[in-house]
Amino acid sequence: MKSLPHSSQISELEVLRSYPVKPFPKGIIVRDGIGIHVILDREGLRNLSSALFDIARLDRFEYFPYGIIDPQVFLGRVEFRV
């Protein structure tokens, strides 16, 4: 199995220490990346998006707002490739 060279970069993200995080491997037979689900507030969303800007191997960053008129909670999905 390949090690993920960017896993140390992910674990060093200070913003992820303040919010619930659920990691998951990417790839069916061969793991070719790592994904993270995280629940964020507005400030966390801003901080995470700015922190991810400089990380190499970022494959996808998506977020979904919860709330009709004025969302206060966001479900984020971040994926990295090997």
PDB file of N, CA and C in Angstrom:
ATOM      1  N   MET A   1       0.837  -1.169   0.000  1.00  0.00           N
ATOM      2  CA  MET A   1       0.000   0.000   0.000  1.00  0.00           C
ATOM      3  C   MET A   1       0.889   1.241   0.000  1.00  0.00           C
ATOM      4  N   LYS A   2       0.532   2.209  -0.811  1.00  0.00           N
ATOM      5  CA  LYS A   2       1.280   3.472  -0.859  1.00  0.00           C
ATOM      6  C   LYS A   2       0.969   4.293   0.371  1.00  0.00           C
ATOM      7  N   SER A   3       1.984   4.970   0.874  1.00  0.00           N
ATOM      8  CA  SER A   3       1.713   5.915   1.956  1.00  0.00           C
ATOM      9  C   SER A   3       1.248   7.220   1.329  1.00  0.00           C
ATOM     10  N   LEU A   4       0.538   7.976   2.082  1.00  0.00           N
ATOM     11  CA  LEU A   4       0.012   9.242   1.587  1.00  0.00           C
ATOM     12  C   LEU A   4       0.958  10.356   2.000  1.00  0.00           C
ATOM     13  N   PRO A   5       1.740  10.900   1.070  1.00  0.00           N
ATOM     14  CA  PRO A   5       2.739  11.905   1.433  1.00  0.00           C
ATOM     15  C   PRO A   5       2.128  13.182   1.968  1.00  0.00           C
ATOM     16  N   HIS A   6       0.885  13.428   1.692  1.00  0.00           N
ATOM     17  CA  HIS A   6       0.244  14.661   2.121  1.00  0.00           C
ATOM     18  C   HIS A   6      -0.517  14.482   3.423  1.00  0.00           C
ATOM     19  N   SER A   7      -0.522  13.269   3.999  1.00  0.00           N
ATOM     20  CA  SER A   7      -1.286  13.047   5.228  1.00  0.00           C
ATOM     21  C   SER A   7      -0.768  13.913   6.368  1.00  0.00           C
ATOM     22  N   SER A   8       0.528  14.192   6.403  1.00  0.00           N
ATOM     23  CA  SER A   8       1.042  15.075   7.452  1.00  0.00           C
ATOM     24  C   SER A   8       0.534  16.495   7.246  1.00  0.00           C
ATOM     25  N   GLN A   9       0.402  16.922   5.996  1.00  0.00           N
ATOM     26  CA  GLN A   9      -0.155  18.252   5.737  1.00  0.00           C
ATOM     27  C   GLN A   9      -1.600  18.320   6.215  1.00  0.00           C
ATOM     28  N   ILE A  10      -2.355  17.257   6.009  1.00  0.00           N
ATOM     29  CA  ILE A  10      -3.756  17.231   6.425  1.00  0.00           C
ATOM     30  C   ILE A  10      -3.852  17.277   7.942  1.00  0.00           C
ATOM     31  N   SER A  11      -3.053  16.466   8.628  1.00  0.00           N
ATOM     32  CA  SER A  11      -3.126  16.413  10.084  1.00  0.00           C
ATOM     33  C   SER A  11      -2.648  17.716  10.730  1.00  0.00           C
ATOM     34  N   GLU A  12      -1.873  18.515  10.026  1.00  0.00           N
ATOM     35  CA  GLU A  12      -1.394  19.781  10.574  1.00  0.00           C
ATOM     36  C   GLU A  12      -2.373  20.935  10.390  1.00  0.00           C
ATOM     37  N   LEU A  13      -3.486  20.705   9.691  1.00  0.00           N
ATOM     38  CA  LEU A  13      -4.465  21.772   9.514  1.00  0.00           C
ATOM     39  C   LEU A  13      -5.155  22.060  10.843  1.00  0.00           C
ATOM     40  N   GLU A  14      -4.866  23.202  11.399  1.00  0.00           N
ATOM     41  CA  GLU A  14      -5.400  23.578  12.709  1.00  0.00           C
ATOM     42  C   GLU A  14      -6.927  23.641  12.703  1.00  0.00           C
ATOM     43  N   VAL A  15      -7.521  24.064  11.594  1.00  0.00           N
ATOM     44  CA  VAL A  15      -8.973  24.220  11.527  1.00  0.00           C
ATOM     45  C   VAL A  15      -9.684  22.882  11.709  1.00  0.00           C
ATOM     46  N   LEU A  16      -9.077  21.776  11.301  1.00  0.00           N
ATOM     47  CA  LEU A  16      -9.724  20.472  11.424  1.00  0.00           C
ATOM     48  C   LEU A  16      -9.737  19.961  12.859  1.00  0.00           C
ATOM     49  N   ARG A  17      -8.958  20.553  13.734  1.00  0.00           N
ATOM     50  CA  ARG A  17      -8.927  20.110  15.131  1.00  0.00           C
ATOM     51  C   ARG A  17     -10.124  20.620  15.920  1.00  0.00           C
ATOM     52  N   SER A  18     -10.840  21.581  15.390  1.00  0.00           N
ATOM     53  CA  SER A  18     -11.957  22.196  16.104  1.00  0.00           C
ATOM     54  C   SER A  18     -13.316  21.658  15.674  1.00  0.00           C
ATOM     55  N   TYR A  19     -13.358  20.788  14.675  1.00  0.00           N
ATOM     56  CA  TYR A  19     -14.624  20.335  14.115  1.00  0.00           C
ATOM     57  C   TYR A  19     -14.630  18.816  13.975  1.00  0.00           C
ATOM     58  N   PRO A  20     -15.831  18.188  13.991  1.00  0.00           N
ATOM     59  CA  PRO A  20     -15.903  16.732  13.796  1.00  0.00           C
ATOM     60  C   PRO A  20     -15.441  16.347  12.396  1.00  0.00           C
ATOM     61  N   VAL A  21     -14.529  15.377  12.324  1.00  0.00           N
ATOM     62  CA  VAL A  21     -13.942  14.958  11.057  1.00  0.00           C
ATOM     63  C   VAL A  21     -14.099  13.451  10.911  1.00  0.00           C
ATOM     64  N   LYS A  22     -14.451  13.004   9.701  1.00  0.00           N
ATOM     65  CA  LYS A  22     -14.541  11.573   9.410  1.00  0.00           C
ATOM     66  C   LYS A  22     -13.711  11.294   8.158  1.00  0.00           C
ATOM     67  N   PRO A  23     -12.538  10.666   8.296  1.00  0.00           N
ATOM     68  CA  PRO A  23     -11.715  10.345   7.117  1.00  0.00           C
ATOM     69  C   PRO A  23     -12.190   9.052   6.461  1.00  0.00           C
ATOM     70  N   PHE A  24     -11.925   8.928   5.161  1.00  0.00           N
ATOM     71  CA  PHE A  24     -12.247   7.702   4.439  1.00  0.00           C
ATOM     72  C   PHE A  24     -11.253   7.529   3.298  1.00  0.00           C
ATOM     73  N   PRO A  25     -10.883   6.270   2.976  1.00  0.00           N
ATOM     74  CA  PRO A  25      -9.954   6.029   1.862  1.00  0.00           C
ATOM     75  C   PRO A  25     -10.674   6.166   0.532  1.00  0.00           C
ATOM     76  N   LYS A  26      -9.953   6.604  -0.477  1.00  0.00           N
ATOM     77  CA  LYS A  26     -10.482   6.676  -1.842  1.00  0.00           C
ATOM     78  C   LYS A  26      -9.869   5.542  -2.646  1.00  0.00           C
ATOM     79  N   GLY A  27     -10.643   4.941  -3.498  1.00  0.00           N
ATOM     80  CA  GLY A  27     -10.161   3.851  -4.337  1.00  0.00           C
ATOM     81  C   GLY A  27     -10.769   2.533  -3.894  1.00  0.00           C
ATOM     82  N   ILE A  28     -11.186   1.716  -4.839  1.00  0.00           N
ATOM     83  CA  ILE A  28     -11.830   0.449  -4.525  1.00  0.00           C
ATOM     84  C   ILE A  28     -10.794  -0.639  -4.258  1.00  0.00           C
ATOM     85  N   ILE A  29      -9.969  -0.937  -5.214  1.00  0.00           N
ATOM     86  CA  ILE A  29      -8.974  -1.994  -5.056  1.00  0.00           C
ATOM     87  C   ILE A  29      -7.667  -1.412  -4.533  1.00  0.00           C
ATOM     88  N   VAL A  30      -7.205  -0.382  -5.178  1.00  0.00           N
ATOM     89  CA  VAL A  30      -5.960   0.287  -4.782  1.00  0.00           C
ATOM     90  C   VAL A  30      -6.333   1.647  -4.202  1.00  0.00           C
ATOM     91  N   ARG A  31      -5.891   1.892  -2.994  1.00  0.00           N
ATOM     92  CA  ARG A  31      -6.164   3.205  -2.399  1.00  0.00           C
ATOM     93  C   ARG A  31      -5.328   4.250  -3.106  1.00  0.00           C
ATOM     94  N   ASP A  32      -6.012   5.203  -3.691  1.00  0.00           N
ATOM     95  CA  ASP A  32      -5.301   6.239  -4.446  1.00  0.00           C
ATOM     96  C   ASP A  32      -5.538   7.632  -3.887  1.00  0.00           C
ATOM     97  N   GLY A  33      -6.053   7.701  -2.675  1.00  0.00           N
ATOM     98  CA  GLY A  33      -6.287   9.004  -2.079  1.00  0.00           C
ATOM     99  C   GLY A  33      -6.951   8.883  -0.730  1.00  0.00           C
ATOM    100  N   ILE A  34      -7.278  10.019  -0.172  1.00  0.00           N
ATOM    101  CA  ILE A  34      -7.961  10.084   1.115  1.00  0.00           C
ATOM    102  C   ILE A  34      -9.010  11.179   1.026  1.00  0.00           C
ATOM    103  N   GLY A  35     -10.121  10.943   1.692  1.00  0.00           N
ATOM    104  CA  GLY A  35     -11.187  11.931   1.744  1.00  0.00           C
ATOM    105  C   GLY A  35     -11.520  12.251   3.183  1.00  0.00           C
ATOM    106  N   ILE A  36     -12.109  13.408   3.394  1.00  0.00           N
ATOM    107  CA  ILE A  36     -12.483  13.854   4.730  1.00  0.00           C
ATOM    108  C   ILE A  36     -13.861  14.482   4.652  1.00  0.00           C
ATOM    109  N   HIS A  37     -14.759  14.057   5.533  1.00  0.00           N
ATOM    110  CA  HIS A  37     -16.032  14.739   5.737  1.00  0.00           C
ATOM    111  C   HIS A  37     -15.900  15.549   7.013  1.00  0.00           C
ATOM    112  N   VAL A  38     -16.355  16.778   6.991  1.00  0.00           N
ATOM    113  CA  VAL A  38     -16.231  17.650   8.167  1.00  0.00           C
ATOM    114  C   VAL A  38     -17.462  18.544   8.261  1.00  0.00           C
ATOM    115  N   ILE A  39     -17.920  18.794   9.485  1.00  0.00           N
ATOM    116  CA  ILE A  39     -19.035  19.703   9.736  1.00  0.00           C
ATOM    117  C   ILE A  39     -18.441  21.011  10.232  1.00  0.00           C
ATOM    118  N   LEU A  40     -18.804  22.108   9.564  1.00  0.00           N
ATOM    119  CA  LEU A  40     -18.188  23.414   9.826  1.00  0.00           C
ATOM    120  C   LEU A  40     -19.229  24.493  10.085  1.00  0.00           C
ATOM    121  N   ASP A  41     -18.811  25.538  10.764  1.00  0.00           N
ATOM    122  CA  ASP A  41     -19.601  26.759  10.817  1.00  0.00           C
ATOM    123  C   ASP A  41     -19.025  27.728   9.779  1.00  0.00           C
ATOM    124  N   ARG A  42     -19.547  28.941   9.721  1.00  0.00           N
ATOM    125  CA  ARG A  42     -19.077  29.895   8.695  1.00  0.00           C
ATOM    126  C   ARG A  42     -17.582  30.201   8.809  1.00  0.00           C
ATOM    127  N   GLU A  43     -17.129  30.444  10.019  1.00  0.00           N
ATOM    128  CA  GLU A  43     -15.711  30.767  10.213  1.00  0.00           C
ATOM    129  C   GLU A  43     -14.828  29.574   9.837  1.00  0.00           C
ATOM    130  N   GLY A  44     -15.254  28.380  10.210  1.00  0.00           N
ATOM    131  CA  GLY A  44     -14.502  27.176   9.866  1.00  0.00           C
ATOM    132  C   GLY A  44     -14.429  26.961   8.373  1.00  0.00           C
ATOM    133  N   LEU A  45     -15.519  27.254   7.665  1.00  0.00           N
ATOM    134  CA  LEU A  45     -15.531  27.122   6.211  1.00  0.00           C
ATOM    135  C   LEU A  45     -14.533  28.084   5.575  1.00  0.00           C
ATOM    136  N   ARG A  46     -14.516  29.319   6.046  1.00  0.00           N
ATOM    137  CA  ARG A  46     -13.546  30.304   5.537  1.00  0.00           C
ATOM    138  C   ARG A  46     -12.115  29.862   5.818  1.00  0.00           C
ATOM    139  N   ASN A  47     -11.864  29.429   7.043  1.00  0.00           N
ATOM    140  CA  ASN A  47     -10.510  29.031   7.425  1.00  0.00           C
ATOM    141  C   ASN A  47     -10.047  27.789   6.666  1.00  0.00           C
ATOM    142  N   LEU A  48     -10.929  26.811   6.497  1.00  0.00           N
ATOM    143  CA  LEU A  48     -10.550  25.597   5.781  1.00  0.00           C
ATOM    144  C   LEU A  48     -10.275  25.894   4.314  1.00  0.00           C
ATOM    145  N   SER A  49     -11.127  26.687   3.685  1.00  0.00           N
ATOM    146  CA  SER A  49     -10.913  26.979   2.268  1.00  0.00           C
ATOM    147  C   SER A  49      -9.606  27.743   2.051  1.00  0.00           C
ATOM    148  N   SER A  50      -9.250  28.639   2.950  1.00  0.00           N
ATOM    149  CA  SER A  50      -7.973  29.352   2.786  1.00  0.00           C
ATOM    150  C   SER A  50      -6.789  28.439   3.104  1.00  0.00           C
ATOM    151  N   ALA A  51      -6.939  27.517   4.056  1.00  0.00           N
ATOM    152  CA  ALA A  51      -5.854  26.588   4.392  1.00  0.00           C
ATOM    153  C   ALA A  51      -5.610  25.591   3.262  1.00  0.00           C
ATOM    154  N   LEU A  52      -6.665  25.183   2.571  1.00  0.00           N
ATOM    155  CA  LEU A  52      -6.530  24.204   1.488  1.00  0.00           C
ATOM    156  C   LEU A  52      -5.915  24.800   0.232  1.00  0.00           C
ATOM    157  N   PHE A  53      -5.906  26.104   0.136  1.00  0.00           N
ATOM    158  CA  PHE A  53      -5.410  26.782  -1.061  1.00  0.00           C
ATOM    159  C   PHE A  53      -3.967  26.399  -1.380  1.00  0.00           C
ATOM    160  N   ASP A  54      -3.140  26.189  -0.372  1.00  0.00           N
ATOM    161  CA  ASP A  54      -1.719  25.919  -0.582  1.00  0.00           C
ATOM    162  C   ASP A  54      -1.343  24.443  -0.534  1.00  0.00           C
ATOM    163  N   ILE A  55      -2.299  23.553  -0.315  1.00  0.00           N
ATOM    164  CA  ILE A  55      -1.969  22.132  -0.204  1.00  0.00           C
ATOM    165  C   ILE A  55      -1.928  21.493  -1.586  1.00  0.00           C
ATOM    166  N   ALA A  56      -0.822  20.824  -1.852  1.00  0.00           N
ATOM    167  CA  ALA A  56      -0.676  20.104  -3.127  1.00  0.00           C
ATOM    168  C   ALA A  56      -1.574  18.868  -3.102  1.00  0.00           C
ATOM    169  N   ARG A  57      -1.908  18.388  -4.250  1.00  0.00           N
ATOM    170  CA  ARG A  57      -2.693  17.164  -4.429  1.00  0.00           C
ATOM    171  C   ARG A  57      -4.139  17.283  -3.994  1.00  0.00           C
ATOM    172  N   LEU A  58      -4.647  18.482  -3.838  1.00  0.00           N
ATOM    173  CA  LEU A  58      -6.064  18.663  -3.543  1.00  0.00           C
ATOM    174  C   LEU A  58      -6.852  18.271  -4.778  1.00  0.00           C
ATOM    175  N   ASP A  59      -7.754  17.340  -4.619  1.00  0.00           N
ATOM    176  CA  ASP A  59      -8.530  16.840  -5.745  1.00  0.00           C
ATOM    177  C   ASP A  59      -9.911  17.486  -5.805  1.00  0.00           C
ATOM    178  N   ARG A  60     -10.532  17.683  -4.639  1.00  0.00           N
ATOM    179  CA  ARG A  60     -11.888  18.230  -4.627  1.00  0.00           C
ATOM    180  C   ARG A  60     -12.170  18.857  -3.267  1.00  0.00           C
ATOM    181  N   PHE A  61     -12.882  19.978  -3.292  1.00  0.00           N
ATOM    182  CA  PHE A  61     -13.393  20.586  -2.063  1.00  0.00           C
ATOM    183  C   PHE A  61     -14.821  21.004  -2.350  1.00  0.00           C
ATOM    184  N   GLU A  62     -15.750  20.375  -1.652  1.00  0.00           N
ATOM    185  CA  GLU A  62     -17.172  20.690  -1.812  1.00  0.00           C
ATOM    186  C   GLU A  62     -17.738  21.014  -0.441  1.00  0.00           C
ATOM    187  N   TYR A  63     -18.769  21.833  -0.414  1.00  0.00           N
ATOM    188  CA  TYR A  63     -19.481  22.051   0.833  1.00  0.00           C
ATOM    189  C   TYR A  63     -20.954  22.236   0.527  1.00  0.00           C
ATOM    190  N   PHE A  64     -21.776  21.836   1.481  1.00  0.00           N
ATOM    191  CA  PHE A  64     -23.223  21.931   1.336  1.00  0.00           C
ATOM    192  C   PHE A  64     -23.758  22.707   2.526  1.00  0.00           C
ATOM    193  N   PRO A  65     -24.467  23.814   2.280  1.00  0.00           N
ATOM    194  CA  PRO A  65     -25.004  24.604   3.391  1.00  0.00           C
ATOM    195  C   PRO A  65     -26.285  23.991   3.952  1.00  0.00           C
ATOM    196  N   TYR A  66     -26.409  23.981   5.275  1.00  0.00           N
ATOM    197  CA  TYR A  66     -27.648  23.570   5.940  1.00  0.00           C
ATOM    198  C   TYR A  66     -28.324  24.810   6.486  1.00  0.00           C
ATOM    199  N   GLY A  67     -29.529  25.048   6.024  1.00  0.00           N
ATOM    200  CA  GLY A  67     -30.303  26.221   6.404  1.00  0.00           C
ATOM    201  C   GLY A  67     -30.881  26.843   5.157  1.00  0.00           C
ATOM    202  N   ILE A  68     -32.119  27.238   5.214  1.00  0.00           N
ATOM    203  CA  ILE A  68     -32.808  27.745   4.026  1.00  0.00           C
ATOM    204  C   ILE A  68     -32.396  29.179   3.707  1.00  0.00           C
ATOM    205  N   ILE A  69     -32.606  30.070   4.623  1.00  0.00           N
ATOM    206  CA  ILE A  69     -32.360  31.483   4.331  1.00  0.00           C
ATOM    207  C   ILE A  69     -30.948  31.901   4.710  1.00  0.00           C
ATOM    208  N   ASP A  70     -30.518  31.524   5.897  1.00  0.00           N
ATOM    209  CA  ASP A  70     -29.222  31.958   6.408  1.00  0.00           C
ATOM    210  C   ASP A  70     -28.475  30.757   6.985  1.00  0.00           C
ATOM    211  N   PRO A  71     -27.772  29.996   6.147  1.00  0.00           N
ATOM    212  CA  PRO A  71     -27.113  28.785   6.653  1.00  0.00           C
ATOM    213  C   PRO A  71     -26.025  29.106   7.678  1.00  0.00           C
ATOM    214  N   GLN A  72     -26.006  28.327   8.745  1.00  0.00           N
ATOM    215  CA  GLN A  72     -25.012  28.492   9.796  1.00  0.00           C
ATOM    216  C   GLN A  72     -24.086  27.289   9.904  1.00  0.00           C
ATOM    217  N   VAL A  73     -24.497  26.157   9.321  1.00  0.00           N
ATOM    218  CA  VAL A  73     -23.731  24.917   9.400  1.00  0.00           C
ATOM    219  C   VAL A  73     -23.495  24.417   7.983  1.00  0.00           C
ATOM    220  N   PHE A  74     -22.295  23.889   7.733  1.00  0.00           N
ATOM    221  CA  PHE A  74     -21.923  23.401   6.406  1.00  0.00           C
ATOM    222  C   PHE A  74     -21.303  22.011   6.536  1.00  0.00           C
ATOM    223  N   LEU A  75     -21.652  21.124   5.616  1.00  0.00           N
ATOM    224  CA  LEU A  75     -21.010  19.820   5.532  1.00  0.00           C
ATOM    225  C   LEU A  75     -19.980  19.908   4.418  1.00  0.00           C
ATOM    226  N   GLY A  76     -18.712  19.725   4.769  1.00  0.00           N
ATOM    227  CA  GLY A  76     -17.636  19.820   3.785  1.00  0.00           C
ATOM    228  C   GLY A  76     -17.111  18.448   3.412  1.00  0.00           C
ATOM    229  N   ARG A  77     -16.644  18.319   2.178  1.00  0.00           N
ATOM    230  CA  ARG A  77     -16.005  17.098   1.697  1.00  0.00           C
ATOM    231  C   ARG A  77     -14.734  17.519   0.983  1.00  0.00           C
ATOM    232  N   VAL A  78     -13.614  16.999   1.471  1.00  0.00           N
ATOM    233  CA  VAL A  78     -12.311  17.320   0.894  1.00  0.00           C
ATOM    234  C   VAL A  78     -11.682  16.005   0.452  1.00  0.00           C
ATOM    235  N   GLU A  79     -11.131  15.982  -0.764  1.00  0.00           N
ATOM    236  CA  GLU A  79     -10.481  14.780  -1.273  1.00  0.00           C
ATOM    237  C   GLU A  79      -9.093  15.122  -1.788  1.00  0.00           C
ATOM    238  N   PHE A  80      -8.151  14.228  -1.507  1.00  0.00           N
ATOM    239  CA  PHE A  80      -6.764  14.366  -1.947  1.00  0.00           C
ATOM    240  C   PHE A  80      -6.368  13.143  -2.734  1.00  0.00           C
ATOM    241  N   ARG A  81      -5.500  13.278  -3.696  1.00  0.00           N
ATOM    242  CA  ARG A  81      -5.005  12.146  -4.480  1.00  0.00           C
ATOM    243  C   ARG A  81      -3.541  11.876  -4.119  1.00  0.00           C
ATOM    244  N   VAL A  82      -3.127  10.647  -4.344  1.00  0.00           N
ATOM    245  CA  VAL A  82      -1.742  10.257  -4.049  1.00  0.00           C
ATOM    246  C   VAL A  82      -0.840  10.748  -5.145  1.00  0.00           C
TER     247      VAL A  82
END
